[in-house]
Amino acid sequence: MLADGLVRLAISNVALRHGTPESIATDLADLFSPYIEAVLTPAQLVPATAEAAEPEARQPG
């Protein structure tokens, strides 16, 4: 989805360029940064709960 969005924006920008290359790059970074950060943040970095970290503690016996 990200690659598709970037390609479409690049093609659109070639056809209908507005602003300086620097301002366009800043706008695109602002637009895509939250998505890129969410995709690149591994789930392992999210703190696990005590139950998720120790599943054997929930089992009887």
Protein backbone atom coordinates (compact mmCIF):
# COMPACT_ATOMS: atom_id res chain seq x y z
CA MET A 1 0.00 0.00 0.00
CA LEU A 2 2.82 2.39 0.83
CA ALA A 3 4.70 1.68 -2.39
CA ASP A 4 1.52 2.09 -4.43
CA GLY A 5 0.81 5.44 -2.78
CA LEU A 6 4.34 6.69 -3.34
CA VAL A 7 4.34 5.68 -7.01
CA ARG A 8 0.97 7.32 -7.63
CA LEU A 9 2.14 10.51 -5.96
CA ALA A 10 5.37 10.51 -7.93
CA ILE A 11 3.50 10.14 -11.23
CA SER A 12 0.99 12.81 -10.25
CA ASN A 13 3.78 15.15 -9.23
CA VAL A 14 5.51 14.76 -12.60
CA ALA A 15 2.29 15.67 -14.39
CA LEU A 16 1.11 18.44 -12.07
CA ARG A 17 4.15 19.74 -10.22
CA HIS A 18 3.49 22.28 -7.49
CA GLY A 19 6.03 23.87 -5.18
CA THR A 20 9.73 23.32 -4.84
CA PRO A 21 11.26 19.86 -4.62
CA GLU A 22 12.09 20.58 -0.97
CA SER A 23 8.52 21.52 -0.07
CA ILE A 24 7.16 18.48 -1.89
CA ALA A 25 9.59 16.20 -0.04
CA THR A 26 8.57 17.76 3.28
CA ASP A 27 4.88 17.32 2.50
CA LEU A 28 5.38 13.67 1.55
CA ALA A 29 7.44 13.00 4.67
CA ASP A 30 4.72 14.54 6.83
CA LEU A 31 2.08 12.46 5.05
CA PHE A 32 3.83 9.09 5.16
CA SER A 33 5.92 9.27 8.35
CA PRO A 34 3.24 7.93 10.72
CA TYR A 35 2.53 4.96 8.44
CA ILE A 36 6.21 4.15 7.91
CA GLU A 37 6.95 4.35 11.64
CA ALA A 38 4.00 2.06 12.43
CA VAL A 39 5.12 -0.51 9.86
CA LEU A 40 8.78 -0.45 10.89
CA THR A 41 8.14 -0.71 14.64
CA PRO A 42 8.37 -4.42 15.48
CA ALA A 43 5.66 -5.85 17.69
CA GLN A 44 8.41 -7.15 19.98
CA LEU A 45 9.17 -3.59 21.08
CA VAL A 46 5.69 -3.21 22.53
CA PRO A 47 5.84 -4.19 26.22
CA ALA A 48 4.12 -7.49 26.87
CA THR A 49 1.78 -7.98 29.80
CA ALA A 50 2.83 -10.34 32.59
CA GLU A 51 0.27 -12.89 31.40
CA ALA A 52 1.54 -12.81 27.82
CA ALA A 53 5.17 -12.99 28.96
CA GLU A 54 4.57 -16.04 31.18
CA PRO A 55 1.81 -18.22 29.64
CA GLU A 56 2.75 -21.23 31.79
CA ALA A 57 1.74 -19.29 34.91
CA ARG A 58 -1.90 -19.36 33.73
CA GLN A 59 -2.04 -23.12 33.26
CA PRO A 60 -3.13 -25.30 36.22
CA GLY A 61 -0.78 -27.86 37.57
